[in-house]
Protein backbone atom coordinates (compact mmCIF):
# COMPACT_ATOMS: atom_id res chain seq x y z
CA UNK A 1 149.32 137.35 310.79
CA UNK A 2 146.26 135.34 309.00
CA UNK A 3 144.64 137.32 305.86
CA UNK A 4 141.69 135.94 303.84
CA UNK A 5 141.29 137.82 300.53
CA UNK A 6 137.46 138.61 299.97
CA UNK A 7 135.23 137.90 296.77
CA UNK A 8 137.39 137.05 293.57
CA UNK A 9 140.70 138.24 295.22
CA UNK A 10 143.58 135.95 295.26
CA UNK A 11 147.33 136.34 297.33
CA UNK A 12 150.20 135.61 295.30
CA UNK A 13 154.06 134.82 296.12
CA UNK A 14 155.98 136.01 293.29
CA UNK A 15 158.47 132.79 292.10
CA UNK A 16 162.05 134.67 291.86
CA UNK A 17 163.87 133.90 288.45
CA UNK A 18 166.85 132.14 287.99
CA UNK A 19 169.93 134.19 288.73
CA UNK A 20 172.01 133.00 285.61
CA UNK A 21 171.58 132.75 282.60
CA UNK A 22 171.89 128.68 280.76
CA UNK A 23 175.27 130.00 279.31
CA UNK A 24 176.18 131.03 283.16
CA UNK A 25 176.12 134.79 283.59
CA UNK A 26 175.09 135.67 286.17
CA UNK A 27 172.64 138.43 286.26
CA UNK A 28 172.50 141.53 288.67
CA UNK A 29 169.80 142.84 290.63
CA UNK A 30 169.15 145.78 289.00
CA UNK A 31 168.61 144.08 285.56
CA UNK A 32 166.29 141.46 286.60
CA UNK A 33 162.64 141.88 285.41
CA UNK A 34 159.95 141.35 288.46
CA UNK A 35 158.78 137.85 287.87
CA UNK A 36 155.51 136.96 286.22
CA UNK A 37 154.85 133.73 287.61
CA UNK A 38 154.04 133.13 291.56
CA UNK A 39 152.02 130.78 294.20
CA UNK A 40 148.75 131.05 295.43
CA UNK A 41 148.94 131.48 299.20
CA UNK A 42 145.22 132.05 299.53
CA UNK A 43 142.26 132.53 297.68
CA UNK A 44 138.57 134.21 298.53
CA UNK A 45 135.17 132.10 298.26
CA UNK A 46 134.38 133.54 294.49
CA UNK A 47 132.28 136.40 293.16
CA UNK A 48 128.72 136.25 292.45
CA UNK A 49 126.67 136.34 289.00
CA UNK A 50 123.73 138.66 288.60
CA UNK A 51 121.09 136.26 290.14
CA UNK A 52 123.49 136.29 293.58
CA UNK A 53 124.90 132.99 293.83
CA UNK A 54 127.81 132.09 294.46
CA UNK A 55 130.84 131.58 291.68
CA UNK A 56 133.97 129.58 293.13
CA UNK A 57 137.24 130.42 291.67
CA UNK A 58 139.35 127.92 289.80
CA UNK A 59 142.69 128.28 291.56
CA UNK A 60 143.35 126.99 295.14
CA UNK A 61 146.00 127.54 297.70
CA UNK A 62 149.20 125.96 295.98
CA UNK A 63 148.43 126.59 292.55
CA UNK A 64 151.74 128.28 290.21
CA UNK A 65 150.04 130.83 288.32
CA UNK A 66 151.06 133.30 285.64
CA UNK A 67 149.94 136.99 285.85
CA UNK A 68 150.42 140.15 283.92
CA UNK A 69 153.59 142.29 284.37
CA UNK A 70 151.69 144.97 286.38
CA UNK A 71 148.98 142.69 287.67
CA UNK A 72 147.78 142.85 291.50
CA UNK A 73 148.75 145.48 294.26
CA UNK A 74 151.94 144.74 296.32
CA UNK A 75 151.82 144.49 299.97
CA UNK A 76 154.13 143.34 303.04
CA UNK A 77 152.35 141.51 305.48
CA UNK A 78 154.95 139.74 308.31
CA UNK A 79 157.80 141.08 305.80
CA UNK A 80 156.88 139.04 303.34
CA UNK A 81 156.16 140.27 300.02
CA UNK A 82 153.12 139.61 298.27
CA UNK A 83 150.52 140.38 295.26
CA UNK A 84 146.90 141.15 295.85
CA UNK A 85 144.92 140.13 292.67
CA UNK A 86 141.52 139.39 290.98
CA UNK A 87 141.41 136.25 289.58
CA UNK A 88 140.74 137.70 286.06
CA UNK A 89 144.23 138.97 286.14
CA UNK A 90 145.50 135.52 286.49
CA UNK A 91 146.46 134.60 283.04
CA UNK A 92 146.71 130.67 283.90
CA UNK A 93 147.91 127.48 286.03
CA UNK A 94 150.87 125.90 285.31
CA UNK A 95 150.66 122.19 285.47
CA UNK A 96 153.58 120.99 286.58
CA UNK A 97 152.69 117.10 286.15
CA UNK A 98 152.35 117.31 282.36
CA UNK A 99 155.68 119.14 282.21
CA UNK A 100 157.43 116.33 284.11
CA UNK A 101 155.70 113.41 283.01
CA UNK A 102 156.87 114.98 278.97
CA UNK A 103 160.53 115.83 280.52
CA UNK A 104 160.77 111.48 281.36
C-alpha cells in the first residue's frame, strides 16, 4: 500500500531504543518508554501561507528526527506501526554526518 500525506504532514517510523543500558542491564518491554526518535518515511508537499503560496517542508524522506512524547497519530499500515504528524510537531533533524565527524 502506498500512502501520501497531505499538506504539512509527515509519516514517521519510530526507531526502537536499545534493549540494554550502558552497564549491560536488559530493559524489559514493560519498562521501556516509547522512543521519541524516528525516520521520516514520507512527507507532504507543504503548507500554504496567507497568500496561497506553497511553503515546502524542511524535512524529507530518510531524515532522522526527534519529536515530542505524545506527538502524532499512531496508525498501522501493512502491519507496520507509523506516526502521522504535522511538521511543527517535529523538534529537530538529527545530522548523523556531524556526529560521525566528531567521533573520528
